[in-house]
Amino acid sequence: MAVAEAFTSTPAARDRSRWGRAARSPHARLDVLSAGLLGLVTVVALAAPVLAPHGPLDPAGMPSAPPGTSGFLLGTDSVGRDILSRVLYGLRSSWLAALAVVAVGAAFGGLVGLVAGARGGWVDNVLMRITDGFLALPAPVLAIAVVAALGPSLLHTLVAVSIVWWPFYARIVRGEVRTLAARPHVEAARLAGTGPVRVATRHLLPGAVPAVVVTASLDIGALVLTLAGLSFLGLGQPAPTPELGADAARNLSYLLQDWWIPVVPGLAVALLSLVANVAGDGVRNLMTRR
């Protein structure tokens, strides 16, 4: 019976059971709360049009009103637009863009890694050499070159960052799949006559999902900084669209007299990245705790 259970218990089932035990552990409550920050920030990003007290593009008060001014918690910018509203919309743009890059990178890179690890041989060699070629390129320079060639816009920025981000997931999934391919339950499935596609999708891919989830959760913070950096350089959405990095860059001239105009968007980027890293650590701890 123990042998039969060992063959029928898949890594995915064991991971779900381990996740359940970790979530019920008293020591994991802080990690659960940390991981929940991902969902909380996503809800805030989606609800930005409802939460924002004013429109992000239209002047709503006196120019350069300091934080705490009646009706303007974070003050106004040089043309009277509410900074809180622009930060909320900028948070929405940065956070959802980071999630989109993670999703595209994990999907495409995961597919490449799954095919390479499951097939092996020359297919593995060709796909991994292509992956190595992308990894050898300086990612920030390549992203800047792609955006400069296509023109500054959020869509082009997402395309550029996705191009340089998927190889990491391909490497991770390929390594996990190669390890899982030697497990007893996979050998049993092959001996039972299961086709290669079913083996890959049913027995190999589920076992690689936890590593991808942990990597993706930790990547969000880095992506927020990367996207903010590109928009700071003027490679994001054109003005006057609210974007955290771009708003900080456009208002640097006000740093000495009206410091809150460029500083508040910069602090929002730092806070968003910190929350993403804390949440990623929570997800990692939950999925690795036994």
Protein backbone atom coordinates (compact mmCIF):
# COMPACT_ATOMS: atom_id res chain seq x y z
CA MET A 1 0.00 0.00 0.00
CA ALA A 2 2.81 2.42 0.87
CA VAL A 3 4.48 1.68 -2.48
CA ALA A 4 1.22 2.27 -4.35
CA GLU A 5 0.69 5.58 -2.54
CA ALA A 6 4.23 6.62 -3.40
CA PHE A 7 3.55 6.01 -7.10
CA THR A 8 0.11 7.65 -7.14
CA SER A 9 1.01 10.68 -5.05
CA THR A 10 2.09 13.38 -7.44
CA PRO A 11 4.31 16.33 -6.55
CA ALA A 12 1.35 18.66 -7.10
CA ALA A 13 -0.75 16.76 -4.54
CA ARG A 14 2.09 16.79 -2.04
CA ASP A 15 2.61 20.53 -2.62
CA ARG A 16 -1.10 21.24 -2.02
CA SER A 17 -1.00 19.23 1.19
CA ARG A 18 2.16 21.00 2.33
CA TRP A 19 0.61 24.39 1.53
CA GLY A 20 -2.43 23.49 3.62
CA ARG A 21 -0.32 22.43 6.59
CA ALA A 22 1.79 25.58 6.30
CA ALA A 23 -1.23 27.85 6.16
CA ARG A 24 -2.70 26.22 9.32
CA SER A 25 0.54 26.51 11.27
CA PRO A 26 0.56 29.25 13.94
CA HIS A 27 4.07 30.17 12.84
CA ALA A 28 2.84 30.84 9.30
CA ARG A 29 0.22 33.47 10.13
CA LEU A 30 2.60 36.33 9.46
CA ASP A 31 3.59 34.75 6.16
CA VAL A 32 -0.08 34.37 5.23
CA LEU A 33 -0.66 38.06 5.97
CA SER A 34 2.45 38.98 3.99
CA ALA A 35 1.35 36.89 0.99
CA GLY A 36 -2.08 38.47 1.23
CA LEU A 37 -0.52 41.84 0.48
CA LEU A 38 -0.32 40.76 -3.17
CA GLY A 39 -4.07 40.46 -3.32
CA LEU A 40 -4.62 43.65 -1.31
CA VAL A 41 -2.44 45.79 -3.56
CA THR A 42 -4.07 44.24 -6.64
CA VAL A 43 -7.51 45.18 -5.29
CA VAL A 44 -6.32 48.74 -4.57
CA ALA A 45 -4.85 48.97 -8.08
CA LEU A 46 -8.08 47.79 -9.70
CA ALA A 47 -10.16 50.10 -7.51
CA ALA A 48 -8.03 53.19 -8.21
CA PRO A 49 -10.83 54.94 -10.20
CA VAL A 50 -13.13 54.50 -7.19
CA LEU A 51 -10.58 55.37 -4.50
CA ALA A 52 -9.11 58.43 -6.22
CA PRO A 53 -10.80 61.56 -4.85
CA HIS A 54 -10.21 63.54 -8.07
CA GLY A 55 -9.47 62.90 -11.72
CA PRO A 56 -5.76 62.35 -12.41
CA LEU A 57 -5.58 64.70 -15.41
CA ASP A 58 -7.70 67.71 -14.46
CA PRO A 59 -6.64 70.51 -12.07
CA ALA A 60 -8.61 70.20 -8.85
CA GLY A 61 -7.12 72.94 -6.66
CA MET A 62 -4.46 75.57 -6.27
CA PRO A 63 -1.08 74.71 -7.84
CA SER A 64 1.64 73.41 -5.52
CA ALA A 65 -0.63 73.08 -2.47
CA PRO A 66 1.37 71.32 0.30
CA PRO A 67 0.35 67.95 1.78
CA GLY A 68 -2.44 68.20 4.32
CA THR A 69 -4.23 71.00 2.49
CA SER A 70 -7.98 70.69 2.85
CA GLY A 71 -9.18 68.11 0.32
CA PHE A 72 -5.65 67.17 -0.79
CA LEU A 73 -3.97 64.66 1.50
CA LEU A 74 -0.72 64.57 -0.49
CA GLY A 75 -1.00 68.06 -1.93
CA THR A 76 -1.22 69.14 -5.56
CA ASP A 77 1.33 69.40 -8.34
CA SER A 78 2.46 72.44 -10.31
CA VAL A 79 -0.80 72.68 -12.26
CA GLY A 80 -3.16 71.86 -9.39
CA ARG A 81 -3.72 68.14 -10.01
CA ASP A 82 -4.30 65.99 -6.93
CA ILE A 83 -1.11 64.02 -6.24
CA LEU A 84 -2.95 61.26 -4.32
CA SER A 85 -5.18 60.61 -7.32
CA ARG A 86 -2.19 60.51 -9.67
CA VAL A 87 -0.31 58.18 -7.32
CA LEU A 88 -3.26 55.79 -7.16
CA TYR A 89 -3.56 55.72 -10.94
CA GLY A 90 0.21 55.39 -11.27
CA LEU A 91 0.19 52.53 -8.78
CA ARG A 92 -2.48 50.87 -10.87
CA SER A 93 -0.39 51.22 -14.01
CA SER A 94 2.87 50.00 -12.43
CA TRP A 95 1.36 47.09 -10.48
CA LEU A 96 -0.82 45.70 -13.25
CA ALA A 97 2.04 46.12 -15.73
CA ALA A 98 4.34 44.14 -13.43
CA LEU A 99 1.72 41.39 -13.11
CA ALA A 100 1.33 41.31 -16.90
CA VAL A 101 5.09 40.93 -17.46
CA VAL A 102 5.25 38.15 -14.85
CA ALA A 103 2.33 36.36 -16.49
CA VAL A 104 3.82 36.60 -19.99
CA GLY A 105 7.30 35.64 -18.82
CA ALA A 106 6.06 32.68 -16.79
CA ALA A 107 3.79 31.45 -19.58
CA PHE A 108 6.25 31.73 -22.46
CA GLY A 109 9.37 30.88 -20.46
CA GLY A 110 7.56 28.04 -18.73
CA LEU A 111 6.51 26.58 -22.08
CA VAL A 112 10.07 26.76 -23.41
CA GLY A 113 11.45 25.19 -20.22
CA LEU A 114 8.80 22.47 -20.20
CA VAL A 115 9.46 21.45 -23.81
CA ALA A 116 13.23 21.54 -23.29
CA GLY A 117 13.16 19.54 -20.07
CA ALA A 118 10.58 17.00 -21.20
CA ARG A 119 12.05 16.28 -24.64
CA GLY A 120 15.76 16.51 -23.82
CA GLY A 121 18.34 15.77 -26.53
CA TRP A 122 18.85 18.24 -29.37
CA VAL A 123 15.57 20.04 -28.61
CA ASP A 124 16.82 20.81 -25.10
CA ASN A 125 20.20 21.95 -26.45
CA VAL A 126 18.73 24.27 -29.09
CA LEU A 127 16.17 25.87 -26.78
CA MET A 128 18.65 26.35 -23.95
CA ARG A 129 21.26 27.88 -26.25
CA ILE A 130 18.65 30.38 -27.46
CA THR A 131 17.78 31.08 -23.82
CA ASP A 132 21.47 31.54 -22.99
CA GLY A 133 21.74 34.02 -25.86
CA PHE A 134 18.99 36.17 -24.34
CA LEU A 135 20.52 35.86 -20.86
CA ALA A 136 23.90 36.99 -22.22
CA LEU A 137 22.42 40.27 -23.47
CA PRO A 138 22.40 43.24 -21.04
CA ALA A 139 18.72 43.25 -20.10
CA PRO A 140 18.29 46.99 -19.30
CA VAL A 141 20.09 48.07 -22.46
CA LEU A 142 18.06 45.66 -24.60
CA ALA A 143 14.79 46.85 -23.03
CA ILE A 144 15.73 50.50 -23.62
CA ALA A 145 16.70 49.73 -27.21
CA VAL A 146 13.40 47.96 -27.90
CA VAL A 147 11.32 50.80 -26.43
CA ALA A 148 13.39 53.40 -28.29
CA ALA A 149 12.87 51.53 -31.55
CA LEU A 150 9.12 50.99 -31.08
CA GLY A 151 8.39 54.36 -29.48
CA PRO A 152 7.57 55.26 -25.86
CA SER A 153 4.31 53.74 -24.62
CA LEU A 154 3.21 51.37 -21.89
CA LEU A 155 2.56 48.55 -24.35
CA HIS A 156 6.01 48.87 -25.90
CA THR A 157 7.58 48.95 -22.43
CA LEU A 158 5.76 45.75 -21.51
CA VAL A 159 6.93 44.08 -24.72
CA ALA A 160 10.53 45.17 -24.11
CA VAL A 161 10.64 43.96 -20.50
CA SER A 162 8.88 40.68 -21.34
CA ILE A 163 11.52 39.96 -23.99
CA VAL A 164 14.29 40.11 -21.40
CA TRP A 165 12.35 38.45 -18.56
CA TRP A 166 11.15 35.09 -19.94
CA PRO A 167 14.57 33.34 -20.06
CA PHE A 168 14.75 33.19 -16.26
CA TYR A 169 11.50 31.22 -16.11
CA ALA A 170 12.64 28.95 -18.93
CA ARG A 171 15.77 28.04 -16.95
CA ILE A 172 13.85 27.46 -13.72
CA VAL A 173 11.14 25.29 -15.30
CA ARG A 174 13.66 23.30 -17.34
CA GLY A 175 15.68 22.51 -14.20
CA GLU A 176 12.59 21.47 -12.24
CA VAL A 177 11.30 19.32 -15.10
CA ARG A 178 14.65 17.54 -15.54
CA THR A 179 14.65 16.73 -11.83
CA LEU A 180 11.05 15.52 -11.85
CA ALA A 181 11.60 13.37 -14.94
CA ALA A 182 13.65 10.93 -12.85
CA ARG A 183 10.96 10.55 -10.16
CA PRO A 184 9.27 7.13 -9.71
CA HIS A 185 5.76 8.33 -10.54
CA VAL A 186 6.95 9.72 -13.90
CA GLU A 187 8.75 6.48 -14.75
CA ALA A 188 5.63 4.55 -13.76
CA ALA A 189 3.50 6.71 -16.05
CA ARG A 190 5.86 6.13 -18.97
CA LEU A 191 5.95 2.38 -18.36
CA ALA A 192 2.14 2.40 -18.31
CA GLY A 193 2.16 3.77 -21.86
CA THR A 194 1.23 7.37 -21.10
CA GLY A 195 2.01 9.67 -24.01
CA PRO A 196 4.77 12.31 -23.76
CA VAL A 197 2.35 15.24 -23.88
CA ARG A 198 0.27 13.83 -21.04
CA VAL A 199 3.39 13.03 -19.03
CA ALA A 200 4.60 16.59 -19.48
CA THR A 201 1.32 18.31 -18.63
CA ARG A 202 0.04 15.89 -15.99
CA HIS A 203 3.17 14.78 -14.15
CA LEU A 204 5.97 17.26 -14.91
CA LEU A 205 4.38 20.70 -15.19
CA PRO A 206 2.44 20.60 -11.88
CA GLY A 207 5.64 19.83 -10.01
CA ALA A 208 7.34 22.89 -11.49
CA VAL A 209 4.49 25.27 -10.63
CA PRO A 210 5.57 25.98 -7.01
CA ALA A 211 9.03 27.15 -8.12
CA VAL A 212 7.44 29.39 -10.76
CA VAL A 213 4.97 30.85 -8.27
CA VAL A 214 7.73 31.65 -5.77
CA THR A 215 9.92 33.21 -8.47
CA ALA A 216 7.02 35.25 -9.86
CA SER A 217 6.04 36.57 -6.43
CA LEU A 218 9.62 37.70 -5.80
CA ASP A 219 9.93 39.19 -9.30
CA ILE A 220 7.07 41.66 -8.93
CA GLY A 221 9.10 44.06 -6.79
CA ALA A 222 12.00 44.02 -9.24
CA LEU A 223 9.62 44.60 -12.13
CA VAL A 224 8.00 47.57 -10.40
CA LEU A 225 11.45 49.17 -10.10
CA THR A 226 12.37 48.26 -13.68
CA LEU A 227 9.19 49.70 -15.16
CA ALA A 228 9.48 52.82 -12.99
CA GLY A 229 13.08 53.25 -14.14
CA LEU A 230 12.10 53.05 -17.80
CA SER A 231 9.29 55.56 -17.31
CA PHE A 232 11.70 57.81 -15.37
CA LEU A 233 13.89 57.83 -18.48
CA GLY A 234 10.90 58.91 -20.58
CA LEU A 235 10.22 55.49 -22.10
CA GLY A 236 6.81 54.97 -20.54
CA GLN A 237 3.46 56.55 -21.26
CA PRO A 238 3.50 60.10 -22.64
CA ALA A 239 2.49 63.07 -20.49
CA PRO A 240 0.13 63.85 -18.85
CA THR A 241 -0.73 60.19 -18.18
CA PRO A 242 -0.07 59.41 -14.50
CA GLU A 243 2.94 57.13 -14.05
CA LEU A 244 5.04 57.00 -10.88
CA GLY A 245 8.50 57.07 -12.45
CA ALA A 246 7.56 59.63 -15.08
CA ASP A 247 5.87 61.91 -12.53
CA ALA A 248 9.02 61.91 -10.39
CA ALA A 249 11.22 62.70 -13.41
CA ARG A 250 9.01 65.44 -14.85
CA ASN A 251 8.88 67.33 -11.56
CA LEU A 252 12.51 67.13 -10.46
CA SER A 253 12.86 70.87 -10.98
CA TYR A 254 10.47 71.42 -8.05
CA LEU A 255 12.55 69.34 -5.63
CA LEU A 256 13.98 72.27 -3.66
CA GLN A 257 10.89 74.45 -3.37
CA ASP A 258 7.90 72.04 -3.62
CA TRP A 259 9.60 68.79 -2.61
CA TRP A 260 6.42 66.70 -2.33
CA ILE A 261 5.67 66.91 -6.07
CA PRO A 262 8.59 64.68 -7.19
CA VAL A 263 9.20 62.89 -3.86
CA VAL A 264 5.73 61.42 -3.28
CA PRO A 265 5.68 59.40 -6.56
CA GLY A 266 9.21 58.18 -5.80
CA LEU A 267 8.18 57.10 -2.30
CA ALA A 268 5.19 55.31 -3.81
CA VAL A 269 7.54 53.30 -6.04
CA ALA A 270 9.72 52.40 -3.04
CA LEU A 271 6.69 51.42 -0.95
CA LEU A 272 5.21 49.36 -3.77
CA SER A 273 8.48 47.51 -4.27
CA LEU A 274 8.83 46.91 -0.52
CA VAL A 275 5.29 45.52 -0.27
CA ALA A 276 5.93 43.25 -3.26
CA ASN A 277 9.16 41.92 -1.72
CA VAL A 278 7.53 41.30 1.67
CA ALA A 279 4.63 39.51 -0.01
CA GLY A 280 7.03 37.46 -2.13
CA ASP A 281 8.93 36.40 0.97
CA GLY A 282 5.65 35.33 2.55
CA VAL A 283 4.72 33.21 -0.47
CA ARG A 284 8.18 31.64 -0.54
CA ASN A 285 8.08 30.79 3.17
CA LEU A 286 4.63 29.24 2.89
CA MET A 287 5.53 27.09 -0.09
CA THR A 288 8.87 25.91 1.28
CA ARG A 289 7.74 25.24 4.86
CA ARG A 290 7.22 21.52 5.55
